[in-house]
Amino acid sequence: MLHERHRIRDKGVDEIFASSDVSVVLPKYAMPEKEQDPRHTYQLVADELMLDGNSRQNLATFCQTWLEPEVHALMDLTMDKNMVDKDEYPRTAELEERCVHMLADLWNSPATENSIGTSTTGSSEAAMLGGMALLWNWRARRRAEGKPTDRPNLVTGPVQVCWHKFTRYWDVEHREIPMEGDRLIMTPEEVLKRVDENTIGVVPTLGVTFTGDFEPVEDVHRALDRLQSETGLDLPMHVDGASGAFLAPFTAPHLTWDFRLPRVKSINASGHKFGLSPLSVGWIVWRSKEDLPEELVFDVNYLGGNMPTFALNFSRPGGQIAVQYYNFSRLGREGYRKIHQQCYDIAMYLAEEIDRLGPFEILSNGDPHKGIPAISWKLKEGVDHGFTLFDLAVGLRAKGWKVPAYTMPANREDMAVQRILVRHGFSRDLASLLMNDYRDALSHFDRHPIVHPLTEAEAGGFCH
């Protein structure tokens, strides 16, 4: 019987690759005139996707790349459910509502049962919704005071591109705190230099993209309290918790950054990062209904019932919401804590091993009280290493590893760093194999000195 199965399987493979369907390349610029056999077309598309590389070896991405079999099964069950159509899919809508309440509880909301929030396509959309709420509320306050509303500004640290999009798209002045010397994140002192009566809000990041560090949310909060006592200026905060909001509650529960701080009006997070869900799902929760302006909520009645919606997108899949609820229910606080602590343990192991290699200076070591499970480092200064981090990134790419190298934003464009994100599914064994490839790459540079070390521009897509 086993032999018969192999014979049938081999016959099927022969039929696919001997068929006329696969004797031509797939269309590139125009839709073909005739239909094709689904198995044959599937095989060709699957073969092209094979050339993407192994996502599990992508240590640049913050997004989850390993998923339980049950997650795949739930995604199959729900890929046809439109999240926005809450009348047609009331149970999916109920799961979304439960997730919002659970996140409000996780982030210490003062009114968990009456909390308000929504799922999104990712934390970038959620961040924009949070920014919009800050902007609309600022305008309302200014109008009530009889003051102009034409010069809003937003204060952030060095941020991910979504905040640049928000300020550009909504015509808000972006007062981004640049990096200076060894200061690579927001500080209270730098915040106070930039805020004024036109500031719609202050946005600290819990897990800065470039280094993984947590910005000091509580310290900034205290500084804004002092500012109000001295000037009367009352400024709200939005916490960009894209990564950290799904980490700190489990691995650094005593870190105060969330709704325990009264100025924090909203928090966004990415479910498909350390929320452990598949792409694409994000979340935003507001402290109270008063913090989400009613003008931003639309009532839609043409999908079968009258439904409120607040999103930049409209139709989107409901499977990720079902999976997020599955993760919350299946893992609980204990499961999330175990998984994330393992990521931190591996990150700190990698930091120690990379430090032992010699040429590198560790910037972030994966300490759960200081940042996300990420390691970042630069080449030690004042030494001719004979290679750049971009050479190293390209060398590792040959072994399948994507370990990004990049230059920092203003005002530290002169500093190149490399970074590893440790996610669920990246085991200690894989980490040890990665380190073997690091040592091999450095040994290769010793045996074959580089005549012209690569710059970021020359390395191109290989180092990002």
Protein backbone atom coordinates (compact mmCIF):
# COMPACT_ATOMS: atom_id res chain seq x y z
CA MET A 1 0.00 0.00 0.00
CA LEU A 2 2.84 2.42 0.86
CA HIS A 3 4.46 1.65 -2.48
CA GLU A 4 1.16 2.35 -4.25
CA ARG A 5 0.82 5.78 -2.57
CA HIS A 6 4.36 6.68 -3.64
CA ARG A 7 3.57 5.57 -7.21
CA ILE A 8 0.44 7.73 -7.37
CA ARG A 9 2.23 10.73 -5.84
CA ASP A 10 5.14 10.42 -8.25
CA LYS A 11 2.71 10.12 -11.17
CA GLY A 12 1.02 13.35 -10.06
CA VAL A 13 4.32 15.21 -9.85
CA ASP A 14 5.33 13.96 -13.28
CA GLU A 15 2.02 15.13 -14.71
CA ILE A 16 2.48 18.63 -13.30
CA PHE A 17 6.00 19.23 -14.50
CA ALA A 18 5.45 17.50 -17.85
CA SER A 19 2.25 19.41 -18.63
CA SER A 20 1.96 22.19 -21.18
CA ASP A 21 0.71 24.50 -18.37
CA VAL A 22 4.15 24.63 -16.80
CA SER A 23 6.14 24.79 -20.01
CA VAL A 24 5.76 28.58 -20.05
CA VAL A 25 6.57 31.23 -17.48
CA LEU A 26 3.84 32.77 -15.37
CA PRO A 27 2.29 35.99 -16.72
CA LYS A 28 3.97 39.20 -15.57
CA TYR A 29 2.12 42.18 -17.06
CA ALA A 30 -1.16 41.03 -18.60
CA MET A 31 -3.85 38.54 -17.58
CA PRO A 32 -3.75 35.35 -19.71
CA GLU A 33 -6.60 34.61 -22.10
CA LYS A 34 -7.24 31.02 -21.03
CA GLU A 35 -7.72 29.25 -17.72
CA GLN A 36 -5.21 26.75 -16.35
CA ASP A 37 -5.31 23.63 -14.23
CA PRO A 38 -5.49 24.73 -10.54
CA ARG A 39 -2.90 22.19 -9.36
CA HIS A 40 -0.42 23.29 -12.00
CA THR A 41 -0.88 26.99 -11.33
CA TYR A 42 -0.64 26.39 -7.59
CA GLN A 43 2.67 24.57 -8.06
CA LEU A 44 4.16 27.42 -10.11
CA VAL A 45 3.06 30.11 -7.66
CA ALA A 46 4.29 28.02 -4.72
CA ASP A 47 7.64 27.60 -6.43
CA GLU A 48 7.99 31.37 -6.86
CA LEU A 49 7.13 31.93 -3.20
CA MET A 50 9.84 29.42 -2.28
CA LEU A 51 12.38 31.97 -3.50
CA ASP A 52 11.34 34.42 -0.76
CA GLY A 53 13.53 32.55 1.68
CA ASN A 54 12.69 31.20 5.11
CA SER A 55 10.67 33.66 7.21
CA ARG A 56 11.81 31.92 10.41
CA GLN A 57 15.36 33.08 9.64
CA ASN A 58 14.22 36.68 9.23
CA LEU A 59 15.55 38.26 12.42
CA ALA A 60 14.67 41.75 11.16
CA THR A 61 10.92 41.44 11.39
CA PHE A 62 8.91 42.15 14.53
CA CYS A 63 6.05 40.04 13.14
CA GLN A 64 5.20 36.51 14.22
CA THR A 65 6.46 33.81 11.83
CA TRP A 66 5.71 30.61 13.76
CA LEU A 67 2.10 29.63 14.49
CA GLU A 68 0.46 26.67 16.17
CA PRO A 69 -1.46 24.17 13.98
CA GLU A 70 -4.68 25.27 15.71
CA VAL A 71 -4.05 28.82 14.52
CA HIS A 72 -3.82 27.63 10.92
CA ALA A 73 -7.07 25.68 11.39
CA LEU A 74 -8.89 28.71 12.80
CA MET A 75 -7.63 30.87 9.94
CA ASP A 76 -9.07 28.35 7.47
CA LEU A 77 -12.43 28.52 9.27
CA THR A 78 -12.59 32.30 9.24
CA MET A 79 -10.89 33.54 6.07
CA ASP A 80 -14.31 34.32 4.55
CA LYS A 81 -15.59 36.39 7.50
CA ASN A 82 -15.60 40.16 7.01
CA MET A 83 -14.69 41.76 10.32
CA VAL A 84 -16.57 44.97 9.54
CA ASP A 85 -19.89 43.15 9.01
CA LYS A 86 -20.80 42.70 12.66
CA ASP A 87 -24.48 42.03 11.89
CA GLU A 88 -23.68 39.06 9.66
CA TYR A 89 -20.89 37.72 11.89
CA PRO A 90 -21.98 38.56 15.45
CA ARG A 91 -19.82 35.93 17.13
CA THR A 92 -16.67 37.28 15.48
CA ALA A 93 -17.71 40.75 16.63
CA GLU A 94 -18.21 39.38 20.14
CA LEU A 95 -14.68 37.91 20.13
CA GLU A 96 -13.31 41.32 19.12
CA GLU A 97 -15.18 42.96 22.00
CA ARG A 98 -13.85 40.38 24.46
CA CYS A 99 -10.30 41.03 23.27
CA VAL A 100 -10.74 44.78 23.84
CA HIS A 101 -11.93 44.16 27.41
CA MET A 102 -9.07 41.75 28.07
CA LEU A 103 -6.52 44.26 26.79
CA ALA A 104 -8.07 47.02 28.88
CA ASP A 105 -7.69 44.77 31.91
CA LEU A 106 -4.12 43.84 30.93
CA TRP A 107 -3.25 47.53 30.63
CA ASN A 108 -4.89 48.44 33.95
CA SER A 109 -7.82 50.43 32.60
CA PRO A 110 -9.86 52.11 35.36
CA ALA A 111 -13.08 50.94 33.65
CA THR A 112 -12.44 47.51 32.12
CA GLU A 113 -16.08 46.55 31.52
CA ASN A 114 -16.88 49.92 29.95
CA SER A 115 -13.62 50.20 28.01
CA ILE A 116 -13.68 51.23 24.39
CA GLY A 117 -11.36 50.15 21.63
CA THR A 118 -11.13 48.40 18.30
CA SER A 119 -9.10 45.97 16.28
CA THR A 120 -7.18 47.26 13.25
CA THR A 121 -5.04 45.88 10.44
CA GLY A 122 -1.95 46.50 12.56
CA SER A 123 -0.43 48.82 15.14
CA SER A 124 0.32 51.44 12.47
CA GLU A 125 -3.37 51.94 11.76
CA ALA A 126 -4.05 51.83 15.50
CA ALA A 127 -1.43 54.52 16.08
CA MET A 128 -3.04 56.75 13.48
CA LEU A 129 -6.43 56.32 15.13
CA GLY A 130 -4.87 57.31 18.45
CA GLY A 131 -3.27 60.35 16.82
CA MET A 132 -6.57 61.35 15.24
CA ALA A 133 -8.33 61.21 18.60
CA LEU A 134 -5.63 63.43 20.13
CA LEU A 135 -5.97 65.90 17.26
CA TRP A 136 -9.78 66.08 17.37
CA ASN A 137 -9.82 66.49 21.15
CA TRP A 138 -7.18 69.24 20.97
CA ARG A 139 -9.25 71.10 18.38
CA ALA A 140 -12.35 70.81 20.54
CA ARG A 141 -10.50 72.22 23.56
CA ARG A 142 -9.06 75.09 21.53
CA ARG A 143 -12.42 75.99 20.03
CA ALA A 144 -14.04 75.96 23.47
CA GLU A 145 -11.36 78.42 24.60
CA GLY A 146 -11.83 80.59 21.52
CA LYS A 147 -8.30 79.88 20.29
CA PRO A 148 -7.02 79.01 16.78
CA THR A 149 -6.58 75.40 15.68
CA ASP A 150 -4.26 75.85 12.72
CA ARG A 151 -0.88 74.93 14.25
CA PRO A 152 -1.07 71.52 15.98
CA ASN A 153 2.11 69.65 16.85
CA LEU A 154 2.94 66.18 18.15
CA VAL A 155 6.00 65.34 20.28
CA THR A 156 7.63 61.92 19.87
CA GLY A 157 10.96 60.26 20.30
CA PRO A 158 12.73 58.60 17.33
CA VAL A 159 9.75 56.76 15.89
CA GLN A 160 8.62 54.23 13.33
CA VAL A 161 7.40 55.59 10.00
CA CYS A 162 3.70 55.36 10.93
CA TRP A 163 3.99 58.53 13.03
CA HIS A 164 5.67 60.35 10.17
CA LYS A 165 2.73 59.30 8.02
CA PHE A 166 0.24 60.54 10.60
CA THR A 167 1.79 63.98 10.96
CA ARG A 168 2.19 64.41 7.21
CA TYR A 169 -1.25 63.12 6.24
CA TRP A 170 -3.07 65.14 8.92
CA ASP A 171 -0.91 68.26 8.60
CA VAL A 172 0.50 68.16 12.13
CA GLU A 173 3.95 69.50 12.94
CA HIS A 174 6.10 66.57 13.99
CA ARG A 175 8.45 67.52 16.81
CA GLU A 176 10.52 64.37 16.77
CA ILE A 177 13.27 64.25 19.38
CA PRO A 178 16.48 63.42 17.50
CA MET A 179 19.17 61.13 18.83
CA GLU A 180 22.16 62.98 20.30
CA GLY A 181 25.42 61.27 21.27
CA ASP A 182 24.63 58.32 23.52
CA ARG A 183 21.00 59.40 24.04
CA LEU A 184 19.03 57.29 21.59
CA ILE A 185 15.49 57.70 22.99
CA MET A 186 13.04 60.26 24.37
CA THR A 187 13.82 61.84 27.74
CA PRO A 188 11.65 64.10 29.93
CA GLU A 189 14.04 67.02 29.45
CA GLU A 190 13.82 66.79 25.67
CA VAL A 191 10.02 66.55 25.81
CA LEU A 192 9.72 69.73 27.88
CA LYS A 193 11.84 71.64 25.34
CA ARG A 194 9.26 70.95 22.62
CA VAL A 195 5.76 71.08 24.12
CA ASP A 196 3.49 74.13 24.11
CA GLU A 197 -0.22 75.00 23.97
CA ASN A 198 -0.41 73.64 20.40
CA THR A 199 0.84 70.18 21.38
CA ILE A 200 -1.95 67.65 20.78
CA GLY A 201 -0.10 64.98 22.76
CA VAL A 202 3.17 63.32 23.70
CA VAL A 203 3.89 59.83 22.33
CA PRO A 204 6.49 57.68 24.11
CA THR A 205 7.27 54.32 22.51
CA LEU A 206 7.42 51.08 24.46
CA GLY A 207 10.04 49.42 22.30
CA VAL A 208 11.80 51.84 19.95
CA THR A 209 12.23 50.35 16.47
CA PHE A 210 15.93 51.17 16.14
CA THR A 211 17.19 49.72 19.43
CA GLY A 212 14.25 47.98 21.12
CA ASP A 213 14.48 50.23 24.21
CA PHE A 214 11.46 51.24 26.30
CA GLU A 215 11.11 55.01 26.51
CA PRO A 216 10.60 56.31 30.09
CA VAL A 217 6.81 56.73 30.07
CA GLU A 218 6.46 57.29 33.81
CA ASP A 219 9.31 59.82 33.94
CA VAL A 220 7.78 61.79 31.05
CA HIS A 221 4.42 61.66 32.86
CA ARG A 222 5.99 63.16 36.00
CA ALA A 223 7.64 65.90 33.95
CA LEU A 224 4.28 66.81 32.38
CA ASP A 225 2.72 66.88 35.87
CA ARG A 226 5.36 69.39 36.97
CA LEU A 227 4.79 71.42 33.82
CA GLN A 228 1.07 71.62 34.54
CA SER A 229 1.64 72.68 38.14
CA GLU A 230 3.94 75.48 36.93
CA THR A 231 2.08 76.65 33.81
CA GLY A 232 -1.40 75.12 33.83
CA LEU A 233 -0.70 73.32 30.55
CA ASP A 234 -2.44 69.93 30.67
CA LEU A 235 -1.06 67.55 28.01
CA PRO A 236 -2.32 64.03 27.20
CA MET A 237 -0.18 61.05 26.27
CA HIS A 238 -0.61 58.18 23.84
CA VAL A 239 1.65 55.16 24.34
CA ASP A 240 2.87 53.42 21.21
CA GLY A 241 3.06 49.92 22.62
CA ALA A 242 3.37 48.17 19.26
CA SER A 243 5.72 45.59 20.77
CA GLY A 244 6.10 46.42 24.46
CA ALA A 245 2.40 46.46 25.35
CA PHE A 246 2.30 42.70 24.78
CA LEU A 247 5.55 42.16 26.70
CA ALA A 248 5.82 44.40 29.76
CA PRO A 249 2.57 43.22 31.42
CA PHE A 250 3.99 39.68 31.55
CA THR A 251 7.74 40.09 32.01
CA ALA A 252 8.00 43.49 33.74
CA PRO A 253 4.64 43.84 35.55
CA HIS A 254 5.94 46.49 37.97
CA LEU A 255 6.93 48.82 35.15
CA THR A 256 4.40 51.68 35.17
CA TRP A 257 3.61 52.81 31.63
CA ASP A 258 -0.10 52.15 31.02
CA PHE A 259 -3.51 53.43 32.20
CA ARG A 260 -2.21 53.56 35.77
CA LEU A 261 -0.85 56.93 34.59
CA PRO A 262 -3.78 59.38 34.26
CA ARG A 263 -2.33 61.25 31.28
CA VAL A 264 -2.25 58.07 29.19
CA LYS A 265 -5.43 58.40 27.13
CA SER A 266 -4.84 55.59 24.63
CA ILE A 267 -2.53 52.68 23.88
CA ASN A 268 -1.90 50.89 20.59
CA ALA A 269 -0.37 47.46 20.18
CA SER A 270 0.35 44.95 17.44
CA GLY A 271 -1.38 41.60 17.79
CA HIS A 272 0.76 40.10 15.04
CA LYS A 273 3.99 40.89 16.85
CA PHE A 274 4.32 39.81 20.46
CA GLY A 275 0.56 39.26 20.62
CA LEU A 276 1.51 36.04 18.76
CA SER A 277 -1.21 36.30 16.10
CA PRO A 278 -0.77 36.06 12.33
CA LEU A 279 -0.63 39.12 10.09
CA SER A 280 -2.53 41.42 10.16
CA VAL A 281 -4.11 42.58 13.43
CA GLY A 282 -3.54 45.53 15.74
CA TRP A 283 -5.38 47.02 18.69
CA ILE A 284 -6.12 50.37 20.25
CA VAL A 285 -7.83 50.97 23.59
CA TRP A 286 -8.87 54.33 25.05
CA ARG A 287 -8.98 55.15 28.74
CA SER A 288 -12.65 56.19 28.49
CA LYS A 289 -15.34 56.88 25.94
CA GLU A 290 -14.72 60.61 26.40
CA ASP A 291 -11.23 60.17 24.94
CA LEU A 292 -12.61 58.94 21.60
CA PRO A 293 -14.43 61.84 19.88
CA GLU A 294 -17.90 60.90 18.64
CA GLU A 295 -17.25 62.67 15.32
CA LEU A 296 -14.72 59.98 14.41
CA VAL A 297 -17.21 57.11 14.71
CA PHE A 298 -19.36 56.34 11.67
CA ASP A 299 -22.69 54.49 11.69
CA VAL A 300 -23.09 52.10 8.77
CA ASN A 301 -26.48 50.55 7.96
CA TYR A 302 -26.05 48.88 4.58
CA LEU A 303 -24.50 45.62 5.76
CA GLY A 304 -27.66 44.35 7.42
CA GLY A 305 -27.79 46.35 10.64
CA ASN A 306 -26.77 49.68 12.12
CA MET A 307 -23.12 49.37 13.17
CA PRO A 308 -20.58 51.89 14.44
CA THR A 309 -17.13 51.78 12.85
CA PHE A 310 -13.91 53.68 13.44
CA ALA A 311 -11.09 52.64 11.12
CA LEU A 312 -8.98 53.81 8.21
CA ASN A 313 -9.74 50.52 6.44
CA PHE A 314 -13.12 48.96 5.93
CA SER A 315 -13.47 45.32 4.86
CA ARG A 316 -10.86 43.10 6.49
CA PRO A 317 -10.58 39.46 7.57
CA GLY A 318 -11.95 38.30 10.90
CA GLY A 319 -9.64 35.31 11.30
CA GLN A 320 -6.89 37.23 13.05
CA ILE A 321 -9.36 38.43 15.69
CA ALA A 322 -10.55 34.86 16.28
CA VAL A 323 -6.92 33.76 16.63
CA GLN A 324 -6.12 36.62 19.00
CA TYR A 325 -8.98 35.49 21.23
CA TYR A 326 -7.73 31.91 20.92
CA ASN A 327 -4.28 33.01 22.11
CA PHE A 328 -5.70 34.95 25.05
CA SER A 329 -7.88 32.01 26.09
CA ARG A 330 -5.34 29.28 25.45
CA LEU A 331 -2.20 30.91 26.84
CA GLY A 332 -3.48 33.22 29.56
CA ARG A 333 -1.03 35.31 31.51
CA GLU A 334 1.01 32.24 32.45
CA GLY A 335 1.52 31.11 28.84
CA TYR A 336 2.42 34.56 27.56
CA ARG A 337 4.86 35.00 30.43
CA LYS A 338 6.60 31.69 29.67
CA ILE A 339 6.87 32.35 25.96
CA HIS A 340 8.13 35.92 26.28
CA GLN A 341 10.55 35.12 29.08
CA GLN A 342 12.07 32.43 26.88
CA CYS A 343 12.54 35.05 24.15
CA TYR A 344 14.29 37.35 26.62
CA ASP A 345 16.52 34.54 27.86
CA ILE A 346 17.63 33.77 24.31
CA ALA A 347 18.16 37.47 23.57
CA MET A 348 20.42 37.88 26.58
CA TYR A 349 22.32 34.72 25.60
CA LEU A 350 22.89 36.17 22.13
CA ALA A 351 24.02 39.50 23.60
CA GLU A 352 26.65 37.72 25.68
CA GLU A 353 27.86 35.64 22.73
CA ILE A 354 28.04 38.63 20.36
CA ASP A 355 29.92 40.62 22.99
CA ARG A 356 32.47 37.78 23.28
CA LEU A 357 33.20 37.96 19.56
CA GLY A 358 35.25 41.09 20.20
CA PRO A 359 34.54 43.71 17.51
CA PHE A 360 31.12 44.76 18.80
CA GLU A 361 29.71 47.13 21.41
CA ILE A 362 26.30 46.08 22.70
CA LEU A 363 23.67 48.85 22.74
CA SER A 364 20.66 46.82 23.91
CA ASN A 365 20.98 43.41 25.53
CA GLY A 366 17.40 42.16 25.79
CA ASP A 367 16.81 43.09 29.43
CA PRO A 368 13.01 42.73 29.99
CA HIS A 369 12.95 45.80 32.26
CA LYS A 370 14.60 48.01 29.65
CA GLY A 371 13.17 46.92 26.32
CA ILE A 372 11.85 44.22 24.06
CA PRO A 373 13.74 40.93 23.41
CA ALA A 374 16.02 42.56 20.88
CA ILE A 375 19.78 42.94 20.73
CA SER A 376 21.45 45.81 18.94
CA TRP A 377 25.14 46.58 18.59
CA LYS A 378 27.66 48.63 16.68
CA LEU A 379 31.30 48.17 15.76
CA LYS A 380 33.71 49.42 18.40
CA GLU A 381 34.99 52.87 17.50
CA GLY A 382 38.60 53.80 16.90
CA VAL A 383 39.47 50.42 15.34
CA ASP A 384 39.93 49.43 11.70
CA HIS A 385 37.93 46.21 11.64
CA GLY A 386 38.41 45.59 7.92
CA PHE A 387 34.67 45.12 7.40
CA THR A 388 31.40 46.92 8.06
CA LEU A 389 28.15 45.71 9.56
CA PHE A 390 26.79 45.78 6.02
CA ASP A 391 29.45 43.27 4.95
CA LEU A 392 28.42 41.10 7.86
CA ALA A 393 24.72 41.34 6.97
CA VAL A 394 25.46 40.26 3.40
CA GLY A 395 27.68 37.41 4.60
CA LEU A 396 24.98 36.09 6.92
CA ARG A 397 22.41 36.37 4.12
CA ALA A 398 24.38 33.70 2.27
CA LYS A 399 23.47 31.29 5.10
CA GLY A 400 19.81 32.30 4.96
CA TRP A 401 19.87 34.68 7.95
CA LYS A 402 18.43 38.16 7.60
CA VAL A 403 20.08 40.25 10.30
CA PRO A 404 19.49 43.91 9.41
CA ALA A 405 22.19 46.56 9.43
CA TYR A 406 21.16 50.19 9.12
CA THR A 407 22.15 53.71 10.05
CA MET A 408 20.39 55.57 12.83
CA PRO A 409 18.02 58.50 12.21
CA ALA A 410 18.79 62.18 12.92
CA ASN A 411 21.12 63.19 14.43
CA ARG A 412 23.10 59.93 14.53
CA GLU A 413 23.16 59.02 10.85
CA ASP A 414 26.88 58.47 11.37
CA MET A 415 26.25 55.37 13.51
CA ALA A 416 25.51 52.02 11.89
CA VAL A 417 23.94 49.29 14.00
CA GLN A 418 22.82 45.72 13.63
CA ARG A 419 19.81 44.21 15.36
CA ILE A 420 18.25 40.83 16.14
CA LEU A 421 14.60 40.40 17.12
CA VAL A 422 13.97 37.23 19.14
CA ARG A 423 10.42 36.00 18.56
CA HIS A 424 8.40 32.97 19.60
CA GLY A 425 9.67 30.06 17.50
CA PHE A 426 13.33 31.12 17.55
CA SER A 427 14.84 28.46 19.79
CA ARG A 428 18.07 28.36 21.76
CA ASP A 429 19.32 25.75 19.30
CA LEU A 430 18.69 28.07 16.34
CA ALA A 431 20.42 30.85 18.27
CA SER A 432 23.52 28.67 18.72
CA LEU A 433 23.52 27.82 15.01
CA LEU A 434 23.26 31.53 14.20
CA MET A 435 26.30 32.23 16.37
CA ASN A 436 28.24 29.51 14.55
CA ASP A 437 27.50 31.31 11.30
CA TYR A 438 28.59 34.63 12.86
CA ARG A 439 31.94 33.13 13.80
CA ASP A 440 32.31 31.62 10.33
CA ALA A 441 31.59 35.01 8.74
CA LEU A 442 34.22 36.75 10.86
CA SER A 443 36.74 33.98 10.12
CA HIS A 444 36.01 34.40 6.42
CA PHE A 445 36.86 38.12 6.69
CA ASP A 446 40.15 37.20 8.39
CA ARG A 447 41.06 34.68 5.69
CA HIS A 448 39.88 36.87 2.83
CA PRO A 449 40.40 40.53 3.74
CA ILE A 450 37.86 42.89 2.20
CA VAL A 451 39.42 45.39 -0.17
CA HIS A 452 36.41 47.70 -0.27
CA PRO A 453 34.08 47.41 2.78
CA LEU A 454 30.44 47.92 1.86
CA THR A 455 28.43 51.03 2.63
CA GLU A 456 24.71 50.92 3.35
CA ALA A 457 23.90 52.09 -0.17
CA GLU A 458 26.15 49.46 -1.75
CA ALA A 459 24.74 46.63 0.36
CA GLY A 460 21.21 47.62 -0.74
CA GLY A 461 18.38 45.25 0.12
CA PHE A 462 20.69 42.61 1.55
CA CYS A 463 21.11 44.44 4.85
CA HIS A 464 17.56 45.61 5.56
